[in-house]
PDB file of N, CA and C in Angstrom:
ATOM      1  N   MET A   1       0.849  -1.177   0.000  1.00  0.00           N
ATOM      2  CA  MET A   1       0.000   0.000   0.000  1.00  0.00           C
ATOM      3  C   MET A   1       0.897   1.244   0.000  1.00  0.00           C
ATOM      4  N   ASN A   2       0.584   2.182  -0.853  1.00  0.00           N
ATOM      5  CA  ASN A   2       1.376   3.406  -0.937  1.00  0.00           C
ATOM      6  C   ASN A   2       0.923   4.401   0.123  1.00  0.00           C
ATOM      7  N   PRO A   3       1.877   5.115   0.726  1.00  0.00           N
ATOM      8  CA  PRO A   3       1.482   6.131   1.707  1.00  0.00           C
ATOM      9  C   PRO A   3       0.764   7.289   1.023  1.00  0.00           C
ATOM     10  N   ALA A   4      -0.017   8.025   1.794  1.00  0.00           N
ATOM     11  CA  ALA A   4      -0.736   9.180   1.252  1.00  0.00           C
ATOM     12  C   ALA A   4       0.264  10.215   0.759  1.00  0.00           C
ATOM     13  N   PRO A   5      -0.055  10.897  -0.339  1.00  0.00           N
ATOM     14  CA  PRO A   5       0.871  11.914  -0.845  1.00  0.00           C
ATOM     15  C   PRO A   5       1.040  13.051   0.152  1.00  0.00           C
ATOM     16  N   SER A   6       2.242  13.581   0.194  1.00  0.00           N
ATOM     17  CA  SER A   6       2.551  14.678   1.104  1.00  0.00           C
ATOM     18  C   SER A   6       1.885  15.957   0.611  1.00  0.00           C
ATOM     19  N   THR A   7       1.474  16.812   1.545  1.00  0.00           N
ATOM     20  CA  THR A   7       0.853  18.075   1.150  1.00  0.00           C
ATOM     21  C   THR A   7       1.891  19.071   0.656  1.00  0.00           C
ATOM     22  N   THR A   8       3.123  18.919   1.090  1.00  0.00           N
ATOM     23  CA  THR A   8       4.199  19.773   0.598  1.00  0.00           C
ATOM     24  C   THR A   8       5.288  18.869   0.057  1.00  0.00           C
ATOM     25  N   ASP A   9       5.470  18.899  -1.242  1.00  0.00           N
ATOM     26  CA  ASP A   9       6.535  18.112  -1.841  1.00  0.00           C
ATOM     27  C   ASP A   9       7.529  19.054  -2.502  1.00  0.00           C
ATOM     28  N   ASP A  10       8.579  18.477  -3.040  1.00  0.00           N
ATOM     29  CA  ASP A  10       9.651  19.282  -3.629  1.00  0.00           C
ATOM     30  C   ASP A  10       9.148  20.117  -4.801  1.00  0.00           C
ATOM     31  N   ARG A  11       8.190  19.580  -5.565  1.00  0.00           N
ATOM     32  CA  ARG A  11       7.706  20.324  -6.730  1.00  0.00           C
ATOM     33  C   ARG A  11       6.963  21.583  -6.313  1.00  0.00           C
ATOM     34  N   SER A  12       6.234  21.552  -5.202  1.00  0.00           N
ATOM     35  CA  SER A  12       5.486  22.733  -4.784  1.00  0.00           C
ATOM     36  C   SER A  12       6.403  23.800  -4.196  1.00  0.00           C
ATOM     37  N   MET A  13       7.592  23.406  -3.790  1.00  0.00           N
ATOM     38  CA  MET A  13       8.518  24.361  -3.195  1.00  0.00           C
ATOM     39  C   MET A  13       9.407  25.032  -4.250  1.00  0.00           C
ATOM     40  N   GLN A  14       9.409  24.511  -5.462  1.00  0.00           N
ATOM     41  CA  GLN A  14      10.251  25.087  -6.508  1.00  0.00           C
ATOM     42  C   GLN A  14       9.557  26.291  -7.125  1.00  0.00           C
ATOM     43  N   ALA A  15      10.340  27.132  -7.784  1.00  0.00           N
ATOM     44  CA  ALA A  15       9.784  28.303  -8.449  1.00  0.00           C
ATOM     45  C   ALA A  15       8.883  27.856  -9.596  1.00  0.00           C
ATOM     46  N   VAL A  16       7.813  28.597  -9.820  1.00  0.00           N
ATOM     47  CA  VAL A  16       6.872  28.273 -10.881  1.00  0.00           C
ATOM     48  C   VAL A  16       7.349  28.921 -12.165  1.00  0.00           C
ATOM     49  N   ASP A  17       7.315  28.138 -13.226  1.00  0.00           N
ATOM     50  CA  ASP A  17       7.673  28.662 -14.540  1.00  0.00           C
ATOM     51  C   ASP A  17       6.574  29.624 -14.968  1.00  0.00           C
ATOM     52  N   GLU A  18       6.933  30.878 -15.299  1.00  0.00           N
ATOM     53  CA  GLU A  18       5.925  31.886 -15.612  1.00  0.00           C
ATOM     54  C   GLU A  18       5.134  31.557 -16.865  1.00  0.00           C
ATOM     55  N   SER A  19       5.623  30.672 -17.717  1.00  0.00           N
ATOM     56  CA  SER A  19       4.891  30.332 -18.932  1.00  0.00           C
ATOM     57  C   SER A  19       3.645  29.519 -18.628  1.00  0.00           C
ATOM     58  N   VAL A  20       3.544  28.925 -17.441  1.00  0.00           N
ATOM     59  CA  VAL A  20       2.371  28.130 -17.092  1.00  0.00           C
ATOM     60  C   VAL A  20       1.348  28.934 -16.302  1.00  0.00           C
ATOM     61  N   LEU A  21       1.644  30.171 -15.960  1.00  0.00           N
ATOM     62  CA  LEU A  21       0.707  30.994 -15.212  1.00  0.00           C
ATOM     63  C   LEU A  21      -0.381  31.535 -16.146  1.00  0.00           C
ATOM     64  N   ALA A  22      -1.541  31.779 -15.604  1.00  0.00           N
ATOM     65  CA  ALA A  22      -2.627  32.329 -16.395  1.00  0.00           C
ATOM     66  C   ALA A  22      -2.358  33.789 -16.773  1.00  0.00           C
ATOM     67  N   TYR A  23      -1.588  34.470 -15.960  1.00  0.00           N
ATOM     68  CA  TYR A  23      -1.228  35.857 -16.231  1.00  0.00           C
ATOM     69  C   TYR A  23       0.138  36.097 -15.611  1.00  0.00           C
ATOM     70  N   PRO A  24       0.910  37.052 -16.148  1.00  0.00           N
ATOM     71  CA  PRO A  24       2.256  37.289 -15.598  1.00  0.00           C
ATOM     72  C   PRO A  24       2.192  37.900 -14.203  1.00  0.00           C
ATOM     73  N   GLU A  25       3.201  37.613 -13.402  1.00  0.00           N
ATOM     74  CA  GLU A  25       3.274  38.183 -12.063  1.00  0.00           C
ATOM     75  C   GLU A  25       3.561  39.667 -12.172  1.00  0.00           C
ATOM     76  N   PRO A  26       2.836  40.516 -11.440  1.00  0.00           N
ATOM     77  CA  PRO A  26       3.086  41.954 -11.523  1.00  0.00           C
ATOM     78  C   PRO A  26       4.435  42.291 -10.896  1.00  0.00           C
ATOM     79  N   PRO A  27       5.021  43.408 -11.304  1.00  0.00           N
ATOM     80  CA  PRO A  27       6.302  43.786 -10.698  1.00  0.00           C
ATOM     81  C   PRO A  27       6.118  44.134  -9.222  1.00  0.00           C
ATOM     82  N   ALA A  28       7.211  44.018  -8.474  1.00  0.00           N
ATOM     83  CA  ALA A  28       7.172  44.323  -7.052  1.00  0.00           C
ATOM     84  C   ALA A  28       6.901  45.811  -6.848  1.00  0.00           C
ATOM     85  N   HIS A  29       6.243  46.139  -5.742  1.00  0.00           N
ATOM     86  CA  HIS A  29       5.981  47.531  -5.402  1.00  0.00           C
ATOM     87  C   HIS A  29       7.322  48.228  -5.171  1.00  0.00           C
ATOM     88  N   PRO A  30       7.471  49.487  -5.583  1.00  0.00           N
ATOM     89  CA  PRO A  30       8.755  50.190  -5.411  1.00  0.00           C
ATOM     90  C   PRO A  30       9.240  50.225  -3.960  1.00  0.00           C
ATOM     91  N   ASN A  31       8.325  50.281  -2.998  1.00  0.00           N
ATOM     92  CA  ASN A  31       8.740  50.332  -1.593  1.00  0.00           C
ATOM     93  C   ASN A  31       9.395  49.036  -1.139  1.00  0.00           C
ATOM     94  N   TRP A  32       9.172  47.948  -1.861  1.00  0.00           N
ATOM     95  CA  TRP A  32       9.739  46.661  -1.482  1.00  0.00           C
ATOM     96  C   TRP A  32      11.266  46.721  -1.480  1.00  0.00           C
ATOM     97  N   HIS A  33      11.822  47.530  -2.348  1.00  0.00           N
ATOM     98  CA  HIS A  33      13.274  47.566  -2.511  1.00  0.00           C
ATOM     99  C   HIS A  33      13.952  48.685  -1.730  1.00  0.00           C
ATOM    100  N   GLN A  34      13.184  49.503  -1.032  1.00  0.00           N
ATOM    101  CA  GLN A  34      13.782  50.593  -0.277  1.00  0.00           C
ATOM    102  C   GLN A  34      14.387  50.066   1.016  1.00  0.00           C
ATOM    103  N   ASN A  35      15.429  50.733   1.452  1.00  0.00           N
ATOM    104  CA  ASN A  35      16.051  50.361   2.721  1.00  0.00           C
ATOM    105  C   ASN A  35      15.122  50.729   3.871  1.00  0.00           C
ATOM    106  N   ALA A  36      15.140  49.927   4.894  1.00  0.00           N
ATOM    107  CA  ALA A  36      14.303  50.182   6.060  1.00  0.00           C
ATOM    108  C   ALA A  36      14.816  51.412   6.806  1.00  0.00           C
ATOM    109  N   THR A  37      13.890  52.138   7.391  1.00  0.00           N
ATOM    110  CA  THR A  37      14.249  53.302   8.184  1.00  0.00           C
ATOM    111  C   THR A  37      14.832  52.832   9.514  1.00  0.00           C
ATOM    112  N   THR A  38      15.925  53.438   9.886  1.00  0.00           N
ATOM    113  CA  THR A  38      16.530  53.088  11.169  1.00  0.00           C
ATOM    114  C   THR A  38      16.157  54.179  12.181  1.00  0.00           C
ATOM    115  N   TYR A  39      15.852  53.750  13.364  1.00  0.00           N
ATOM    116  CA  TYR A  39      15.446  54.670  14.413  1.00  0.00           C
ATOM    117  C   TYR A  39      16.475  54.658  15.520  1.00  0.00           C
ATOM    118  N   GLY A  40      16.660  55.826  16.134  1.00  0.00           N
ATOM    119  CA  GLY A  40      17.595  55.936  17.234  1.00  0.00           C
ATOM    120  C   GLY A  40      16.933  55.547  18.546  1.00  0.00           C
ATOM    121  N   PRO A  41      17.686  55.590  19.616  1.00  0.00           N
ATOM    122  CA  PRO A  41      17.126  55.252  20.924  1.00  0.00           C
ATOM    123  C   PRO A  41      16.093  56.295  21.355  1.00  0.00           C
ATOM    124  N   LEU A  42      15.164  55.866  22.204  1.00  0.00           N
ATOM    125  CA  LEU A  42      14.153  56.784  22.715  1.00  0.00           C
ATOM    126  C   LEU A  42      14.767  57.727  23.736  1.00  0.00           C
ATOM    127  N   SER A  43      14.251  58.953  23.748  1.00  0.00           N
ATOM    128  CA  SER A  43      14.701  59.922  24.747  1.00  0.00           C
ATOM    129  C   SER A  43      14.100  59.522  26.095  1.00  0.00           C
ATOM    130  N   PRO A  44      14.688  60.014  27.183  1.00  0.00           N
ATOM    131  CA  PRO A  44      14.112  59.717  28.505  1.00  0.00           C
ATOM    132  C   PRO A  44      12.646  60.120  28.616  1.00  0.00           C
ATOM    133  N   THR A  45      12.252  61.220  27.975  1.00  0.00           N
ATOM    134  CA  THR A  45      10.855  61.658  28.004  1.00  0.00           C
ATOM    135  C   THR A  45       9.960  60.639  27.303  1.00  0.00           C
ATOM    136  N   GLN A  46      10.396  60.141  26.135  1.00  0.00           N
ATOM    137  CA  GLN A  46       9.630  59.136  25.411  1.00  0.00           C
ATOM    138  C   GLN A  46       9.553  57.825  26.199  1.00  0.00           C
ATOM    139  N   GLN A  47      10.644  57.466  26.845  1.00  0.00           N
ATOM    140  CA  GLN A  47      10.650  56.246  27.647  1.00  0.00           C
ATOM    141  C   GLN A  47       9.646  56.347  28.798  1.00  0.00           C
ATOM    142  N   LYS A  48       9.633  57.509  29.463  1.00  0.00           N
ATOM    143  CA  LYS A  48       8.720  57.710  30.597  1.00  0.00           C
ATOM    144  C   LYS A  48       7.272  57.667  30.121  1.00  0.00           C
ATOM    145  N   HIS A  49       7.003  58.322  28.992  1.00  0.00           N
ATOM    146  CA  HIS A  49       5.646  58.312  28.435  1.00  0.00           C
ATOM    147  C   HIS A  49       5.209  56.882  28.114  1.00  0.00           C
ATOM    148  N   ASN A  50       6.070  56.116  27.447  1.00  0.00           N
ATOM    149  CA  ASN A  50       5.738  54.738  27.103  1.00  0.00           C
ATOM    150  C   ASN A  50       5.501  53.895  28.349  1.00  0.00           C
ATOM    151  N   GLN A  51       6.297  54.123  29.372  1.00  0.00           N
ATOM    152  CA  GLN A  51       6.128  53.386  30.626  1.00  0.00           C
ATOM    153  C   GLN A  51       4.777  53.714  31.255  1.00  0.00           C
ATOM    154  N   GLN A  52       4.399  54.985  31.248  1.00  0.00           N
ATOM    155  CA  GLN A  52       3.122  55.393  31.824  1.00  0.00           C
ATOM    156  C   GLN A  52       1.950  54.792  31.053  1.00  0.00           C
ATOM    157  N   VAL A  53       2.033  54.785  29.731  1.00  0.00           N
ATOM    158  CA  VAL A  53       0.963  54.221  28.909  1.00  0.00           C
ATOM    159  C   VAL A  53       0.870  52.715  29.132  1.00  0.00           C
ATOM    160  N   LEU A  54       2.001  52.051  29.202  1.00  0.00           N
ATOM    161  CA  LEU A  54       2.011  50.609  29.433  1.00  0.00           C
ATOM    162  C   LEU A  54       1.409  50.264  30.789  1.00  0.00           C
ATOM    163  N   LEU A  55       1.831  50.985  31.822  1.00  0.00           N
ATOM    164  CA  LEU A  55       1.295  50.715  33.155  1.00  0.00           C
ATOM    165  C   LEU A  55      -0.199  51.004  33.237  1.00  0.00           C
ATOM    166  N   ALA A  56      -0.627  52.076  32.580  1.00  0.00           N
ATOM    167  CA  ALA A  56      -2.053  52.407  32.561  1.00  0.00           C
ATOM    168  C   ALA A  56      -2.844  51.301  31.870  1.00  0.00           C
ATOM    169  N   GLY A  57      -2.310  50.754  30.804  1.00  0.00           N
ATOM    170  CA  GLY A  57      -2.986  49.685  30.099  1.00  0.00           C
ATOM    171  C   GLY A  57      -3.023  48.403  30.907  1.00  0.00           C
ATOM    172  N   LEU A  58      -1.959  48.125  31.632  1.00  0.00           N
ATOM    173  CA  LEU A  58      -1.904  46.902  32.428  1.00  0.00           C
ATOM    174  C   LEU A  58      -2.818  46.959  33.644  1.00  0.00           C
ATOM    175  N   THR A  59      -2.979  48.151  34.190  1.00  0.00           N
ATOM    176  CA  THR A  59      -3.823  48.292  35.381  1.00  0.00           C
ATOM    177  C   THR A  59      -5.270  48.616  35.026  1.00  0.00           C
ATOM    178  N   GLY A  60      -5.555  48.828  33.733  1.00  0.00           N
ATOM    179  CA  GLY A  60      -6.932  49.090  33.301  1.00  0.00           C
ATOM    180  C   GLY A  60      -7.366  50.533  33.437  1.00  0.00           C
ATOM    181  N   GLN A  61      -6.433  51.424  33.677  1.00  0.00           N
ATOM    182  CA  GLN A  61      -6.779  52.826  33.802  1.00  0.00           C
ATOM    183  C   GLN A  61      -6.754  53.482  32.424  1.00  0.00           C
ATOM    184  N   ALA A  62      -7.532  54.534  32.274  1.00  0.00           N
ATOM    185  CA  ALA A  62      -7.528  55.288  31.016  1.00  0.00           C
ATOM    186  C   ALA A  62      -6.237  56.089  30.926  1.00  0.00           C
ATOM    187  N   ALA A  63      -5.678  56.162  29.750  1.00  0.00           N
ATOM    188  CA  ALA A  63      -4.409  56.870  29.556  1.00  0.00           C
ATOM    189  C   ALA A  63      -4.620  58.353  29.443  1.00  0.00           C
TER     190      ALA A  63
END
């Protein structure tokens, strides 16, 4: 008796030949290729504000 076919086999993991698609894949959105924005550390004021909001949320108080 043959085992049941796997739901993920090597053929499904390979790239699809575009000639077999019903329509061509659209180009990637321009933002896909942009570098991610890097952020610096939070200022002490921002840290305190975030701490207050977090504590208010944890204790059920309105911010």
